[in-house]
Amino acid sequence: MRKPSTPSGFTMIELLVVATIMIVLTTIGLISYRSAIQNSRNAKRKTDLQITRQALVLYRSDNGCYPADNTFLGMLNTITGYINETPYDPLGSAGAPLYIYTPIDAGSCGIGEATGFVLEASLEPDNTAYTVENP
């Protein structure tokens, strides 16, 4: 008497189930990774604005007012001695920060000076504005 042979290997259904599970887990992992990357870029933007705010406060304590430059790069050129490295948006380049500097009451403190400022960055994924103000 011969024993009936049992097939060796996997059935097509088993292979499809395993492939589907792998695809679902990979998709979940990629979505989590993308979210973590966006959160880290947003954290860098917030930190950059806080460091810039601190440098501006130090500049004001020495000079009496904030710079009245209308651009972020212009303001950075004015406060070079107060900040160690140029802050830049993670999606931009070191030479072109995507942050916005707006002086408040420019000229009321003196020519080329302001009494306050607003720093702004756009956060991912929906371009929510993050602002830091100092009156």
C-alpha atoms as a PDB file:
ATOM      1  CA  MET A   1       0.000   0.000   0.000  1.00  0.00           C
ATOM      2  CA  ARG A   2       1.161   3.476  -0.866  1.00  0.00           C
ATOM      3  CA  LYS A   3       0.567   6.558   1.203  1.00  0.00           C
ATOM      4  CA  PRO A   4      -1.110   9.449  -0.583  1.00  0.00           C
ATOM      5  CA  SER A   5       1.461  12.138  -1.336  1.00  0.00           C
ATOM      6  CA  THR A   6       1.082  15.463   0.422  1.00  0.00           C
ATOM      7  CA  PRO A   7       1.971  18.512  -1.610  1.00  0.00           C
ATOM      8  CA  SER A   8       5.046  20.388  -0.411  1.00  0.00           C
ATOM      9  CA  GLY A   9       5.133  24.206  -0.568  1.00  0.00           C
ATOM     10  CA  PHE A  10       2.565  26.941  -0.097  1.00  0.00           C
ATOM     11  CA  THR A  11      -0.768  27.397  -1.767  1.00  0.00           C
ATOM     12  CA  MET A  12      -1.514  30.468  -3.804  1.00  0.00           C
ATOM     13  CA  ILE A  13      -3.948  31.717  -1.116  1.00  0.00           C
ATOM     14  CA  GLU A  14      -1.270  31.504   1.586  1.00  0.00           C
ATOM     15  CA  LEU A  15       1.186  33.467  -0.561  1.00  0.00           C
ATOM     16  CA  LEU A  16      -1.405  36.164  -1.294  1.00  0.00           C
ATOM     17  CA  VAL A  17      -2.270  36.523   2.405  1.00  0.00           C
ATOM     18  CA  VAL A  18       1.394  36.922   3.374  1.00  0.00           C
ATOM     19  CA  ALA A  19       1.997  39.424   0.539  1.00  0.00           C
ATOM     20  CA  THR A  20      -1.052  41.465   1.596  1.00  0.00           C
ATOM     21  CA  ILE A  21       0.082  41.562   5.221  1.00  0.00           C
ATOM     22  CA  MET A  22       3.557  42.711   4.143  1.00  0.00           C
ATOM     23  CA  ILE A  23       2.094  45.468   1.950  1.00  0.00           C
ATOM     24  CA  VAL A  24      -0.161  46.731   4.770  1.00  0.00           C
ATOM     25  CA  LEU A  25       2.707  46.790   7.296  1.00  0.00           C
ATOM     26  CA  THR A  26       5.023  48.557   4.831  1.00  0.00           C
ATOM     27  CA  THR A  27       2.385  51.199   4.110  1.00  0.00           C
ATOM     28  CA  ILE A  28       1.852  51.854   7.823  1.00  0.00           C
ATOM     29  CA  GLY A  29       5.608  52.128   8.335  1.00  0.00           C
ATOM     30  CA  LEU A  30       6.055  54.594   5.456  1.00  0.00           C
ATOM     31  CA  ILE A  31       3.209  56.802   6.682  1.00  0.00           C
ATOM     32  CA  SER A  32       4.687  56.859  10.202  1.00  0.00           C
ATOM     33  CA  TYR A  33       8.132  57.660   8.809  1.00  0.00           C
ATOM     34  CA  ARG A  34       6.785  60.547   6.716  1.00  0.00           C
ATOM     35  CA  SER A  35       4.945  61.954   9.724  1.00  0.00           C
ATOM     36  CA  ALA A  36       8.072  61.697  11.891  1.00  0.00           C
ATOM     37  CA  ILE A  37      10.155  63.519   9.257  1.00  0.00           C
ATOM     38  CA  GLN A  38       7.586  66.337   9.011  1.00  0.00           C
ATOM     39  CA  ASN A  39       7.478  66.656  12.800  1.00  0.00           C
ATOM     40  CA  SER A  40      11.273  66.903  12.992  1.00  0.00           C
ATOM     41  CA  ARG A  41      11.361  69.623  10.306  1.00  0.00           C
ATOM     42  CA  ASN A  42       8.651  71.541  12.179  1.00  0.00           C
ATOM     43  CA  ALA A  43      10.627  71.232  15.419  1.00  0.00           C
ATOM     44  CA  LYS A  44      13.699  72.661  13.662  1.00  0.00           C
ATOM     45  CA  ARG A  45      11.654  75.595  12.350  1.00  0.00           C
ATOM     46  CA  LYS A  46      10.312  76.373  15.818  1.00  0.00           C
ATOM     47  CA  THR A  47      13.778  76.104  17.371  1.00  0.00           C
ATOM     48  CA  ASP A  48      15.280  78.348  14.680  1.00  0.00           C
ATOM     49  CA  LEU A  49      12.705  81.056  15.382  1.00  0.00           C
ATOM     50  CA  GLN A  50      13.261  80.831  19.147  1.00  0.00           C
ATOM     51  CA  ILE A  51      17.051  81.099  18.714  1.00  0.00           C
ATOM     52  CA  THR A  52      16.585  84.063  16.371  1.00  0.00           C
ATOM     53  CA  ARG A  53      14.223  85.696  18.887  1.00  0.00           C
ATOM     54  CA  GLN A  54      16.831  85.323  21.630  1.00  0.00           C
ATOM     55  CA  ALA A  55      19.507  86.851  19.384  1.00  0.00           C
ATOM     56  CA  LEU A  56      17.181  89.771  18.595  1.00  0.00           C
ATOM     57  CA  VAL A  57      16.524  90.341  22.304  1.00  0.00           C
ATOM     58  CA  LEU A  58      20.283  90.430  22.944  1.00  0.00           C
ATOM     59  CA  TYR A  59      20.686  92.874  20.043  1.00  0.00           C
ATOM     60  CA  ARG A  60      17.968  95.098  21.547  1.00  0.00           C
ATOM     61  CA  SER A  61      19.570  95.038  24.992  1.00  0.00           C
ATOM     62  CA  ASP A  62      22.814  96.355  23.464  1.00  0.00           C
ATOM     63  CA  ASN A  63      21.339  98.766  20.889  1.00  0.00           C
ATOM     64  CA  GLY A  64      18.007  99.866  22.381  1.00  0.00           C
ATOM     65  CA  CYS A  65      15.844  98.754  19.437  1.00  0.00           C
ATOM     66  CA  TYR A  66      15.334  95.889  16.990  1.00  0.00           C
ATOM     67  CA  PRO A  67      16.599  96.015  13.380  1.00  0.00           C
ATOM     68  CA  ALA A  68      14.133  97.562  10.935  1.00  0.00           C
ATOM     69  CA  ASP A  69      15.215  95.410   7.968  1.00  0.00           C
ATOM     70  CA  ASN A  70      12.235  94.152   5.965  1.00  0.00           C
ATOM     71  CA  THR A  71      13.732  90.755   5.128  1.00  0.00           C
ATOM     72  CA  PHE A  72      14.894  87.850   7.238  1.00  0.00           C
ATOM     73  CA  LEU A  73      18.315  87.810   5.558  1.00  0.00           C
ATOM     74  CA  GLY A  74      18.726  91.560   6.053  1.00  0.00           C
ATOM     75  CA  MET A  75      17.906  91.221   9.734  1.00  0.00           C
ATOM     76  CA  LEU A  76      20.380  88.306  10.042  1.00  0.00           C
ATOM     77  CA  ASN A  77      23.107  90.445   8.496  1.00  0.00           C
ATOM     78  CA  THR A  78      22.423  93.104  11.121  1.00  0.00           C
ATOM     79  CA  ILE A  79      22.592  90.705  14.085  1.00  0.00           C
ATOM     80  CA  THR A  80      25.528  88.539  12.902  1.00  0.00           C
ATOM     81  CA  GLY A  81      27.442  88.960  16.143  1.00  0.00           C
ATOM     82  CA  TYR A  82      24.499  87.706  18.198  1.00  0.00           C
ATOM     83  CA  ILE A  83      23.766  84.413  16.417  1.00  0.00           C
ATOM     84  CA  ASN A  84      26.190  81.531  15.859  1.00  0.00           C
ATOM     85  CA  GLU A  85      24.859  79.957  12.678  1.00  0.00           C
ATOM     86  CA  THR A  86      22.373  81.082  10.074  1.00  0.00           C
ATOM     87  CA  PRO A  87      18.965  79.480  10.658  1.00  0.00           C
ATOM     88  CA  TYR A  88      17.338  78.126   7.521  1.00  0.00           C
ATOM     89  CA  ASP A  89      14.215  76.190   6.667  1.00  0.00           C
ATOM     90  CA  PRO A  90      14.905  72.438   6.324  1.00  0.00           C
ATOM     91  CA  LEU A  91      13.278  72.406   2.889  1.00  0.00           C
ATOM     92  CA  GLY A  92      15.234  75.490   1.795  1.00  0.00           C
ATOM     93  CA  SER A  93      18.966  75.936   1.568  1.00  0.00           C
ATOM     94  CA  ALA A  94      21.402  77.627   3.931  1.00  0.00           C
ATOM     95  CA  GLY A  95      21.617  80.642   1.606  1.00  0.00           C
ATOM     96  CA  ALA A  96      17.866  81.144   1.294  1.00  0.00           C
ATOM     97  CA  PRO A  97      15.889  80.844   4.535  1.00  0.00           C
ATOM     98  CA  LEU A  98      12.129  80.641   4.084  1.00  0.00           C
ATOM     99  CA  TYR A  99      11.398  82.481   7.326  1.00  0.00           C
ATOM    100  CA  ILE A 100       9.748  85.892   7.486  1.00  0.00           C
ATOM    101  CA  TYR A 101      10.865  88.819   9.676  1.00  0.00           C
ATOM    102  CA  THR A 102       8.522  91.781  10.077  1.00  0.00           C
ATOM    103  CA  PRO A 103       9.607  94.801  12.151  1.00  0.00           C
ATOM    104  CA  ILE A 104       6.935  96.583  14.200  1.00  0.00           C
ATOM    105  CA  ASP A 105       6.878 100.391  14.391  1.00  0.00           C
ATOM    106  CA  ALA A 106       9.966 100.657  12.208  1.00  0.00           C
ATOM    107  CA  GLY A 107      11.531 104.093  12.477  1.00  0.00           C
ATOM    108  CA  SER A 108       9.733 105.121  15.677  1.00  0.00           C
ATOM    109  CA  CYS A 109      12.773 104.147  17.745  1.00  0.00           C
ATOM    110  CA  GLY A 110      15.259 105.750  15.376  1.00  0.00           C
ATOM    111  CA  ILE A 111      16.300 105.481  11.754  1.00  0.00           C
ATOM    112  CA  GLY A 112      16.756 101.835  10.854  1.00  0.00           C
ATOM    113  CA  GLU A 113      15.321 100.652  14.170  1.00  0.00           C
ATOM    114  CA  ALA A 114      12.053  99.044  15.334  1.00  0.00           C
ATOM    115  CA  THR A 115      10.276  98.638  18.685  1.00  0.00           C
ATOM    116  CA  GLY A 116       9.114  95.061  18.049  1.00  0.00           C
ATOM    117  CA  PHE A 117       9.102  92.243  15.552  1.00  0.00           C
ATOM    118  CA  VAL A 118       7.256  89.178  14.283  1.00  0.00           C
ATOM    119  CA  LEU A 119       9.045  86.046  13.084  1.00  0.00           C
ATOM    120  CA  GLU A 120       7.060  83.560  11.009  1.00  0.00           C
ATOM    121  CA  ALA A 121       7.524  80.086   9.536  1.00  0.00           C
ATOM    122  CA  SER A 122       5.142  77.767   7.676  1.00  0.00           C
ATOM    123  CA  LEU A 123       4.678  74.363   9.291  1.00  0.00           C
ATOM    124  CA  GLU A 124       3.972  71.147   7.428  1.00  0.00           C
ATOM    125  CA  PRO A 125       1.785  69.544   6.146  1.00  0.00           C
ATOM    126  CA  ASP A 126      -0.816  72.311   5.718  1.00  0.00           C
ATOM    127  CA  ASN A 127       1.355  75.484   5.846  1.00  0.00           C
ATOM    128  CA  THR A 128       0.070  76.499   9.268  1.00  0.00           C
ATOM    129  CA  ALA A 129       1.747  79.738  10.296  1.00  0.00           C
ATOM    130  CA  TYR A 130       3.941  79.571  13.409  1.00  0.00           C
ATOM    131  CA  THR A 131       4.753  83.027  14.737  1.00  0.00           C
ATOM    132  CA  VAL A 132       7.031  84.408  17.414  1.00  0.00           C
ATOM    133  CA  GLU A 133       6.376  88.000  18.481  1.00  0.00           C
ATOM    134  CA  ASN A 134       8.215  90.444  20.677  1.00  0.00           C
ATOM    135  CA  PRO A 135       6.647  93.820  21.367  1.00  0.00           C
END
